[in-house]
Each structure stands twice: as structure tokens, then as C-alpha cells.
Amino acid sequence: MGIQGHRARKRLRLCETRWFILGACFIDAMASFHSGIDKETVKKGSGKRFKDFVGKYMPEYNAEDLWRDLRCGLVHSYAEGGTYVFTDNNKAGLHFERTPHGKIILNLEDFCAALQTAYSLLRKDILSDRETLLKATRRFTSMGLMIESPVDQL
């Protein structure tokens, strides 16, 4: 059933965008391990890395739209670029449906499930593919991770 059929029974509940911003940042982080960036290459090619990662690990999403409107639009401007509306109405069943104005509905629970799947697939590749392991190792060795540390050790 499309959005028109659901519309008579319930309204689309919009959610806070902060969770989608965090998801876009998580895609960026996973893409950095997948591509093996280091301190010298971190500022170059972030769009290509992001889109390549989405294309491989989240193929049900349009990589260009996610990059432009979710990642760049929300993360840099706190403004969605026109492609999406966001909901956390888990039972709505409207993920990827279109609104009457043509916007694509992204449901938070479905988006988080896609992130979990992407992470699991990347982890599997790191553990089973030597080239992916070497790239992830280069990323970790060069840039580390944010971890909790006593102030006197920083």
C-alpha cells in the first residue's frame, strides 16, 4: 500500500534529524576504513569514498542523494537538500515511499538496520579479505579512534 492509502489512517510523524546526521557520520567513518585513508588523504575524495561505500554496502540507497542531501546537507548546513523527509514511525511501513510532493520517506528504524547491515558486511570483508584488512589497518594506524582517556595522557 502506498502513502496515499496510509494517509487516510495516520499522519507521517516526523522525527528529529540528529539520528540521521549521526548515521551519515557513521557512513563516513566506515567509508574511511573501507578506503584506507590516512592523515595525508583524509581531506581528499570524501564524496567518492562515501558514495563508493554506499554503493557497495547500502545499494538500496541512492549514493548521490545520500551524499548531497543527507550527508552534506544535514551535516554541514542542518538543512535537507530536498530529497527526503524523515520519520521514526516504525510501524508506518513507508520507508522509501514517496510523499505526494515526491520526497522520499526515510524511516529511522529501517535506516539504522541498513547501517547495521553495512557495518556487518564491512566487518566480514575486513576479516576475510586481505586488501580490505590492510586498508582498515592503515586507517586505524594513521588516525586511531576516539577513545576515553585520562586528561593527563592527552
Foldseek 3Di string as FASTA:
>chain_A
DAPVVCVVPDDFAFDDLPLLQVLLVLLLVLLQLQQQDFPVCNVPDSLVSSLVLCVVQVVVDRSVQCVPFRHCVCNPPVGGPPAETEGQPVVSPQQQGADPVGHGYHHSVVSVVSSVSSVVVLVVCLVPPVVSVVSNVSHCVRPNDDDDDPPVVD
